[in-house]
Amino acid sequence: MWTMLKDRRMAFLMIANMLSSIGSGITMIGVPWLLVNRSGGDEVYGYATLASTILLFLLFVSFRQYFPSIQNIEWMGKCG
């Protein structure tokens, strides 16, 4: 591990990854917080969450037809 970090490019990559993770975490907390604190924002946030859940479910079900190797997994066959 330490020999990998001696390469400056790898060190920069690790630092960039860490900063990106921090930014993603702040965004995951900040955007819903701002939505919920606005007037009527709790309803908007609820509908946005519902829409994204439905979209992800539909994408998951359609994803199976493009990759036949994952259709052999038993629990995935029960989803649709």
PDB file of N, CA and C in Angstrom:
ATOM      1  N   MET A   1       0.826  -1.193   0.000  1.00  0.00           N
ATOM      2  CA  MET A   1       0.000   0.000   0.000  1.00  0.00           C
ATOM      3  C   MET A   1       0.868   1.253   0.000  1.00  0.00           C
ATOM      4  N   TRP A   2       1.895   1.264   0.850  1.00  0.00           N
ATOM      5  CA  TRP A   2       2.724   2.471   0.949  1.00  0.00           C
ATOM      6  C   TRP A   2       3.551   2.687  -0.297  1.00  0.00           C
ATOM      7  N   THR A   3       3.947   1.600  -0.954  1.00  0.00           N
ATOM      8  CA  THR A   3       4.707   1.769  -2.194  1.00  0.00           C
ATOM      9  C   THR A   3       3.826   2.350  -3.294  1.00  0.00           C
ATOM     10  N   MET A   4       2.525   2.027  -3.245  1.00  0.00           N
ATOM     11  CA  MET A   4       1.607   2.591  -4.212  1.00  0.00           C
ATOM     12  C   MET A   4       1.465   4.099  -4.017  1.00  0.00           C
ATOM     13  N   LEU A   5       1.436   4.544  -2.770  1.00  0.00           N
ATOM     14  CA  LEU A   5       1.255   5.962  -2.489  1.00  0.00           C
ATOM     15  C   LEU A   5       2.499   6.799  -2.765  1.00  0.00           C
ATOM     16  N   LYS A   6       3.628   6.148  -2.975  1.00  0.00           N
ATOM     17  CA  LYS A   6       4.835   6.897  -3.320  1.00  0.00           C
ATOM     18  C   LYS A   6       4.731   7.487  -4.722  1.00  0.00           C
ATOM     19  N   ASP A   7       3.914   6.880  -5.557  1.00  0.00           N
ATOM     20  CA  ASP A   7       3.664   7.435  -6.890  1.00  0.00           C
ATOM     21  C   ASP A   7       2.730   8.638  -6.742  1.00  0.00           C
ATOM     22  N   ARG A   8       3.170   9.799  -7.214  1.00  0.00           N
ATOM     23  CA  ARG A   8       2.387  11.029  -7.030  1.00  0.00           C
ATOM     24  C   ARG A   8       1.020  10.935  -7.679  1.00  0.00           C
ATOM     25  N   ARG A   9       0.951  10.277  -8.827  1.00  0.00           N
ATOM     26  CA  ARG A   9      -0.342  10.172  -9.514  1.00  0.00           C
ATOM     27  C   ARG A   9      -1.343   9.393  -8.676  1.00  0.00           C
ATOM     28  N   MET A  10      -0.882   8.336  -8.027  1.00  0.00           N
ATOM     29  CA  MET A  10      -1.777   7.535  -7.196  1.00  0.00           C
ATOM     30  C   MET A  10      -2.188   8.312  -5.952  1.00  0.00           C
ATOM     31  N   ALA A  11      -1.288   9.066  -5.392  1.00  0.00           N
ATOM     32  CA  ALA A  11      -1.618   9.888  -4.234  1.00  0.00           C
ATOM     33  C   ALA A  11      -2.661  10.941  -4.599  1.00  0.00           C
ATOM     34  N   PHE A  12      -2.481  11.588  -5.758  1.00  0.00           N
ATOM     35  CA  PHE A  12      -3.469  12.565  -6.203  1.00  0.00           C
ATOM     36  C   PHE A  12      -4.819  11.904  -6.467  1.00  0.00           C
ATOM     37  N   LEU A  13      -4.795  10.708  -7.016  1.00  0.00           N
ATOM     38  CA  LEU A  13      -6.040   9.981  -7.275  1.00  0.00           C
ATOM     39  C   LEU A  13      -6.764   9.648  -5.973  1.00  0.00           C
ATOM     40  N   MET A  14      -6.026   9.223  -4.968  1.00  0.00           N
ATOM     41  CA  MET A  14      -6.632   8.905  -3.675  1.00  0.00           C
ATOM     42  C   MET A  14      -7.197  10.159  -2.996  1.00  0.00           C
ATOM     43  N   ILE A  15      -6.471  11.262  -3.076  1.00  0.00           N
ATOM     44  CA  ILE A  15      -6.952  12.517  -2.490  1.00  0.00           C
ATOM     45  C   ILE A  15      -8.204  12.998  -3.219  1.00  0.00           C
ATOM     46  N   ALA A  16      -8.200  12.907  -4.546  1.00  0.00           N
ATOM     47  CA  ALA A  16      -9.368  13.324  -5.325  1.00  0.00           C
ATOM     48  C   ALA A  16     -10.573  12.446  -4.995  1.00  0.00           C
ATOM     49  N   ASN A  17     -10.355  11.160  -4.832  1.00  0.00           N
ATOM     50  CA  ASN A  17     -11.440  10.251  -4.485  1.00  0.00           C
ATOM     51  C   ASN A  17     -12.008  10.585  -3.106  1.00  0.00           C
ATOM     52  N   MET A  18     -11.142  10.892  -2.163  1.00  0.00           N
ATOM     53  CA  MET A  18     -11.585  11.244  -0.817  1.00  0.00           C
ATOM     54  C   MET A  18     -12.389  12.547  -0.827  1.00  0.00           C
ATOM     55  N   LEU A  19     -11.924  13.552  -1.549  1.00  0.00           N
ATOM     56  CA  LEU A  19     -12.643  14.821  -1.634  1.00  0.00           C
ATOM     57  C   LEU A  19     -13.984  14.656  -2.349  1.00  0.00           C
ATOM     58  N   SER A  20     -14.015  13.818  -3.367  1.00  0.00           N
ATOM     59  CA  SER A  20     -15.258  13.545  -4.073  1.00  0.00           C
ATOM     60  C   SER A  20     -16.270  12.857  -3.164  1.00  0.00           C
ATOM     61  N   SER A  21     -15.805  11.933  -2.341  1.00  0.00           N
ATOM     62  CA  SER A  21     -16.695  11.256  -1.402  1.00  0.00           C
ATOM     63  C   SER A  21     -17.257  12.224  -0.374  1.00  0.00           C
ATOM     64  N   ILE A  22     -16.434  13.135   0.107  1.00  0.00           N
ATOM     65  CA  ILE A  22     -16.904  14.134   1.065  1.00  0.00           C
ATOM     66  C   ILE A  22     -17.958  15.028   0.410  1.00  0.00           C
ATOM     67  N   GLY A  23     -17.702  15.453  -0.817  1.00  0.00           N
ATOM     68  CA  GLY A  23     -18.657  16.294  -1.532  1.00  0.00           C
ATOM     69  C   GLY A  23     -19.974  15.577  -1.791  1.00  0.00           C
ATOM     70  N   SER A  24     -19.905  14.311  -2.133  1.00  0.00           N
ATOM     71  CA  SER A  24     -21.132  13.534  -2.352  1.00  0.00           C
ATOM     72  C   SER A  24     -21.922  13.391  -1.065  1.00  0.00           C
ATOM     73  N   GLY A  25     -21.236  13.173   0.031  1.00  0.00           N
ATOM     74  CA  GLY A  25     -21.918  13.057   1.314  1.00  0.00           C
ATOM     75  C   GLY A  25     -22.594  14.348   1.726  1.00  0.00           C
ATOM     76  N   ILE A  26     -21.919  15.466   1.516  1.00  0.00           N
ATOM     77  CA  ILE A  26     -22.510  16.767   1.845  1.00  0.00           C
ATOM     78  C   ILE A  26     -23.740  17.020   0.973  1.00  0.00           C
ATOM     79  N   THR A  27     -23.651  16.660  -0.296  1.00  0.00           N
ATOM     80  CA  THR A  27     -24.782  16.839  -1.200  1.00  0.00           C
ATOM     81  C   THR A  27     -25.952  15.949  -0.812  1.00  0.00           C
ATOM     82  N   MET A  28     -25.675  14.712  -0.411  1.00  0.00           N
ATOM     83  CA  MET A  28     -26.745  13.792  -0.005  1.00  0.00           C
ATOM     84  C   MET A  28     -27.486  14.304   1.216  1.00  0.00           C
ATOM     85  N   ILE A  29     -26.825  15.033   2.070  1.00  0.00           N
ATOM     86  CA  ILE A  29     -27.471  15.600   3.252  1.00  0.00           C
ATOM     87  C   ILE A  29     -28.078  16.971   2.926  1.00  0.00           C
ATOM     88  N   GLY A  30     -27.358  17.802   2.188  1.00  0.00           N
ATOM     89  CA  GLY A  30     -27.761  19.183   1.969  1.00  0.00           C
ATOM     90  C   GLY A  30     -28.976  19.376   1.081  1.00  0.00           C
ATOM     91  N   VAL A  31     -29.060  18.656  -0.025  1.00  0.00           N
ATOM     92  CA  VAL A  31     -30.174  18.849  -0.952  1.00  0.00           C
ATOM     93  C   VAL A  31     -31.508  18.464  -0.319  1.00  0.00           C
ATOM     94  N   PRO A  32     -31.641  17.273   0.296  1.00  0.00           N
ATOM     95  CA  PRO A  32     -32.920  16.987   0.963  1.00  0.00           C
ATOM     96  C   PRO A  32     -33.230  17.967   2.093  1.00  0.00           C
ATOM     97  N   TRP A  33     -32.214  18.401   2.810  1.00  0.00           N
ATOM     98  CA  TRP A  33     -32.419  19.356   3.903  1.00  0.00           C
ATOM     99  C   TRP A  33     -33.025  20.648   3.355  1.00  0.00           C
ATOM    100  N   LEU A  34     -32.464  21.143   2.250  1.00  0.00           N
ATOM    101  CA  LEU A  34     -32.992  22.376   1.653  1.00  0.00           C
ATOM    102  C   LEU A  34     -34.410  22.169   1.126  1.00  0.00           C
ATOM    103  N   LEU A  35     -34.670  21.021   0.510  1.00  0.00           N
ATOM    104  CA  LEU A  35     -36.010  20.750  -0.013  1.00  0.00           C
ATOM    105  C   LEU A  35     -37.046  20.689   1.102  1.00  0.00           C
ATOM    106  N   VAL A  36     -36.728  19.995   2.167  1.00  0.00           N
ATOM    107  CA  VAL A  36     -37.691  19.814   3.247  1.00  0.00           C
ATOM    108  C   VAL A  36     -37.946  21.127   3.975  1.00  0.00           C
ATOM    109  N   ASN A  37     -36.971  21.988   4.067  1.00  0.00           N
ATOM    110  CA  ASN A  37     -37.137  23.248   4.784  1.00  0.00           C
ATOM    111  C   ASN A  37     -37.837  24.333   3.967  1.00  0.00           C
ATOM    112  N   ARG A  38     -38.063  24.100   2.673  1.00  0.00           N
ATOM    113  CA  ARG A  38     -38.814  25.059   1.857  1.00  0.00           C
ATOM    114  C   ARG A  38     -40.299  24.874   2.071  1.00  0.00           C
ATOM    115  N   SER A  39     -41.067  25.849   1.699  1.00  0.00           N
ATOM    116  CA  SER A  39     -42.514  25.747   1.780  1.00  0.00           C
ATOM    117  C   SER A  39     -43.011  24.736   0.751  1.00  0.00           C
ATOM    118  N   GLY A  40     -43.641  23.671   1.211  1.00  0.00           N
ATOM    119  CA  GLY A  40     -44.109  22.605   0.324  1.00  0.00           C
ATOM    120  C   GLY A  40     -42.998  21.677  -0.138  1.00  0.00           C
ATOM    121  N   GLY A  41     -41.818  21.862   0.380  1.00  0.00           N
ATOM    122  CA  GLY A  41     -40.678  21.061  -0.045  1.00  0.00           C
ATOM    123  C   GLY A  41     -40.755  19.620   0.380  1.00  0.00           C
ATOM    124  N   ASP A  42     -41.434  19.354   1.500  1.00  0.00           N
ATOM    125  CA  ASP A  42     -41.548  17.969   1.946  1.00  0.00           C
ATOM    126  C   ASP A  42     -42.348  17.146   0.945  1.00  0.00           C
ATOM    127  N   GLU A  43     -43.352  17.760   0.330  1.00  0.00           N
ATOM    128  CA  GLU A  43     -44.143  17.043  -0.680  1.00  0.00           C
ATOM    129  C   GLU A  43     -43.319  16.814  -1.944  1.00  0.00           C
ATOM    130  N   VAL A  44     -42.575  17.828  -2.358  1.00  0.00           N
ATOM    131  CA  VAL A  44     -41.706  17.690  -3.528  1.00  0.00           C
ATOM    132  C   VAL A  44     -40.672  16.597  -3.291  1.00  0.00           C
ATOM    133  N   TYR A  45     -40.086  16.599  -2.107  1.00  0.00           N
ATOM    134  CA  TYR A  45     -39.082  15.584  -1.779  1.00  0.00           C
ATOM    135  C   TYR A  45     -39.699  14.180  -1.775  1.00  0.00           C
ATOM    136  N   GLY A  46     -40.889  14.052  -1.255  1.00  0.00           N
ATOM    137  CA  GLY A  46     -41.565  12.755  -1.243  1.00  0.00           C
ATOM    138  C   GLY A  46     -41.829  12.236  -2.649  1.00  0.00           C
ATOM    139  N   TYR A  47     -42.336  13.115  -3.528  1.00  0.00           N
ATOM    140  CA  TYR A  47     -42.599  12.697  -4.907  1.00  0.00           C
ATOM    141  C   TYR A  47     -41.308  12.380  -5.656  1.00  0.00           C
ATOM    142  N   ALA A  48     -40.269  13.150  -5.422  1.00  0.00           N
ATOM    143  CA  ALA A  48     -38.987  12.895  -6.081  1.00  0.00           C
ATOM    144  C   ALA A  48     -38.409  11.554  -5.630  1.00  0.00           C
ATOM    145  N   THR A  49     -38.519  11.257  -4.345  1.00  0.00           N
ATOM    146  CA  THR A  49     -38.028   9.984  -3.826  1.00  0.00           C
ATOM    147  C   THR A  49     -38.833   8.819  -4.390  1.00  0.00           C
ATOM    148  N   LEU A  50     -40.151   8.975  -4.457  1.00  0.00           N
ATOM    149  CA  LEU A  50     -41.001   7.929  -5.023  1.00  0.00           C
ATOM    150  C   LEU A  50     -40.673   7.699  -6.490  1.00  0.00           C
ATOM    151  N   ALA A  51     -40.516   8.771  -7.252  1.00  0.00           N
ATOM    152  CA  ALA A  51     -40.201   8.643  -8.674  1.00  0.00           C
ATOM    153  C   ALA A  51     -38.856   7.963  -8.892  1.00  0.00           C
ATOM    154  N   SER A  52     -37.865   8.317  -8.114  1.00  0.00           N
ATOM    155  CA  SER A  52     -36.552   7.691  -8.291  1.00  0.00           C
ATOM    156  C   SER A  52     -36.581   6.222  -7.894  1.00  0.00           C
ATOM    157  N   THR A  53     -37.373   5.866  -6.882  1.00  0.00           N
ATOM    158  CA  THR A  53     -37.479   4.463  -6.492  1.00  0.00           C
ATOM    159  C   THR A  53     -38.141   3.648  -7.588  1.00  0.00           C
ATOM    160  N   ILE A  54     -39.222   4.157  -8.161  1.00  0.00           N
ATOM    161  CA  ILE A  54     -39.911   3.448  -9.244  1.00  0.00           C
ATOM    162  C   ILE A  54     -38.997   3.322 -10.455  1.00  0.00           C
ATOM    163  N   LEU A  55     -38.289   4.398 -10.793  1.00  0.00           N
ATOM    164  CA  LEU A  55     -37.376   4.367 -11.931  1.00  0.00           C
ATOM    165  C   LEU A  55     -36.268   3.336 -11.729  1.00  0.00           C
ATOM    166  N   LEU A  56     -35.675   3.297 -10.551  1.00  0.00           N
ATOM    167  CA  LEU A  56     -34.617   2.325 -10.286  1.00  0.00           C
ATOM    168  C   LEU A  56     -35.145   0.898 -10.337  1.00  0.00           C
ATOM    169  N   PHE A  57     -36.363   0.671  -9.846  1.00  0.00           N
ATOM    170  CA  PHE A  57     -36.946  -0.663  -9.911  1.00  0.00           C
ATOM    171  C   PHE A  57     -37.164  -1.086 -11.361  1.00  0.00           C
ATOM    172  N   LEU A  58     -37.713  -0.197 -12.178  1.00  0.00           N
ATOM    173  CA  LEU A  58     -37.952  -0.533 -13.579  1.00  0.00           C
ATOM    174  C   LEU A  58     -36.638  -0.756 -14.328  1.00  0.00           C
ATOM    175  N   LEU A  59     -35.637   0.036 -14.040  1.00  0.00           N
ATOM    176  CA  LEU A  59     -34.335  -0.165 -14.675  1.00  0.00           C
ATOM    177  C   LEU A  59     -33.719  -1.494 -14.259  1.00  0.00           C
ATOM    178  N   PHE A  60     -33.902  -1.870 -13.011  1.00  0.00           N
ATOM    179  CA  PHE A  60     -33.358  -3.141 -12.525  1.00  0.00           C
ATOM    180  C   PHE A  60     -34.008  -4.313 -13.245  1.00  0.00           C
ATOM    181  N   VAL A  61     -35.323  -4.250 -13.399  1.00  0.00           N
ATOM    182  CA  VAL A  61     -36.032  -5.346 -14.065  1.00  0.00           C
ATOM    183  C   VAL A  61     -35.641  -5.422 -15.534  1.00  0.00           C
ATOM    184  N   SER A  62     -35.526  -4.273 -16.208  1.00  0.00           N
ATOM    185  CA  SER A  62     -35.148  -4.301 -17.623  1.00  0.00           C
ATOM    186  C   SER A  62     -33.663  -4.605 -17.811  1.00  0.00           C
ATOM    187  N   PHE A  63     -32.864  -4.368 -16.817  1.00  0.00           N
ATOM    188  CA  PHE A  63     -31.426  -4.634 -16.875  1.00  0.00           C
ATOM    189  C   PHE A  63     -31.148  -6.126 -17.071  1.00  0.00           C
ATOM    190  N   ARG A  64     -32.012  -6.960 -16.502  1.00  0.00           N
ATOM    191  CA  ARG A  64     -31.806  -8.409 -16.554  1.00  0.00           C
ATOM    192  C   ARG A  64     -31.825  -8.947 -17.973  1.00  0.00           C
ATOM    193  N   GLN A  65     -32.636  -8.376 -18.859  1.00  0.00           N
ATOM    194  CA  GLN A  65     -32.755  -8.923 -20.202  1.00  0.00           C
ATOM    195  C   GLN A  65     -31.513  -8.678 -21.046  1.00  0.00           C
ATOM    196  N   TYR A  66     -30.710  -7.697 -20.691  1.00  0.00           N
ATOM    197  CA  TYR A  66     -29.500  -7.408 -21.453  1.00  0.00           C
ATOM    198  C   TYR A  66     -28.292  -8.219 -20.991  1.00  0.00           C
ATOM    199  N   PHE A  67     -28.392  -8.822 -19.816  1.00  0.00           N
ATOM    200  CA  PHE A  67     -27.299  -9.622 -19.276  1.00  0.00           C
ATOM    201  C   PHE A  67     -27.840 -10.986 -18.853  1.00  0.00           C
ATOM    202  N   PRO A  68     -27.898 -11.928 -19.785  1.00  0.00           N
ATOM    203  CA  PRO A  68     -28.520 -13.224 -19.476  1.00  0.00           C
ATOM    204  C   PRO A  68     -27.771 -14.017 -18.409  1.00  0.00           C
ATOM    205  N   SER A  69     -26.521 -13.733 -18.171  1.00  0.00           N
ATOM    206  CA  SER A  69     -25.774 -14.505 -17.173  1.00  0.00           C
ATOM    207  C   SER A  69     -26.284 -14.253 -15.764  1.00  0.00           C
ATOM    208  N   ILE A  70     -26.894 -13.094 -15.511  1.00  0.00           N
ATOM    209  CA  ILE A  70     -27.395 -12.836 -14.167  1.00  0.00           C
ATOM    210  C   ILE A  70     -28.807 -13.364 -13.964  1.00  0.00           C
ATOM    211  N   GLN A  71     -29.424 -13.915 -15.014  1.00  0.00           N
ATOM    212  CA  GLN A  71     -30.770 -14.455 -14.873  1.00  0.00           C
ATOM    213  C   GLN A  71     -30.767 -15.778 -14.132  1.00  0.00           C
ATOM    214  N   ASN A  72     -29.610 -16.387 -13.958  1.00  0.00           N
ATOM    215  CA  ASN A  72     -29.527 -17.662 -13.261  1.00  0.00           C
ATOM    216  C   ASN A  72     -29.597 -17.512 -11.749  1.00  0.00           C
ATOM    217  N   ILE A  73     -29.498 -16.317 -11.248  1.00  0.00           N
ATOM    218  CA  ILE A  73     -29.557 -16.104  -9.813  1.00  0.00           C
ATOM    219  C   ILE A  73     -31.015 -16.222  -9.381  1.00  0.00           C
ATOM    220  N   GLU A  74     -31.291 -17.076  -8.409  1.00  0.00           N
ATOM    221  CA  GLU A  74     -32.671 -17.417  -8.050  1.00  0.00           C
ATOM    222  C   GLU A  74     -33.479 -16.222  -7.557  1.00  0.00           C
ATOM    223  N   TRP A  75     -32.942 -15.417  -6.664  1.00  0.00           N
ATOM    224  CA  TRP A  75     -33.738 -14.335  -6.081  1.00  0.00           C
ATOM    225  C   TRP A  75     -34.075 -13.273  -7.097  1.00  0.00           C
ATOM    226  N   MET A  76     -33.271 -13.134  -8.135  1.00  0.00           N
ATOM    227  CA  MET A  76     -33.572 -12.140  -9.154  1.00  0.00           C
ATOM    228  C   MET A  76     -34.710 -12.599 -10.069  1.00  0.00           C
ATOM    229  N   GLY A  77     -34.888 -13.905 -10.197  1.00  0.00           N
ATOM    230  CA  GLY A  77     -35.965 -14.429 -11.021  1.00  0.00           C
ATOM    231  C   GLY A  77     -37.336 -14.152 -10.444  1.00  0.00           C
ATOM    232  N   LYS A  78     -37.419 -13.896  -9.142  1.00  0.00           N
ATOM    233  CA  LYS A  78     -38.696 -13.639  -8.493  1.00  0.00           C
ATOM    234  C   LYS A  78     -39.120 -12.179  -8.616  1.00  0.00           C
ATOM    235  N   CYS A  79     -38.251 -11.320  -9.135  1.00  0.00           N
ATOM    236  CA  CYS A  79     -38.577  -9.897  -9.219  1.00  0.00           C
ATOM    237  C   CYS A  79     -39.393  -9.552 -10.466  1.00  0.00           C
ATOM    238  N   GLY A  80     -39.462 -10.406 -11.411  1.00  0.00           N
ATOM    239  CA  GLY A  80     -40.257 -10.052 -12.585  1.00  0.00           C
ATOM    240  C   GLY A  80     -39.939 -10.869 -13.727  1.00  0.00           C
TER     241      GLY A  80
END
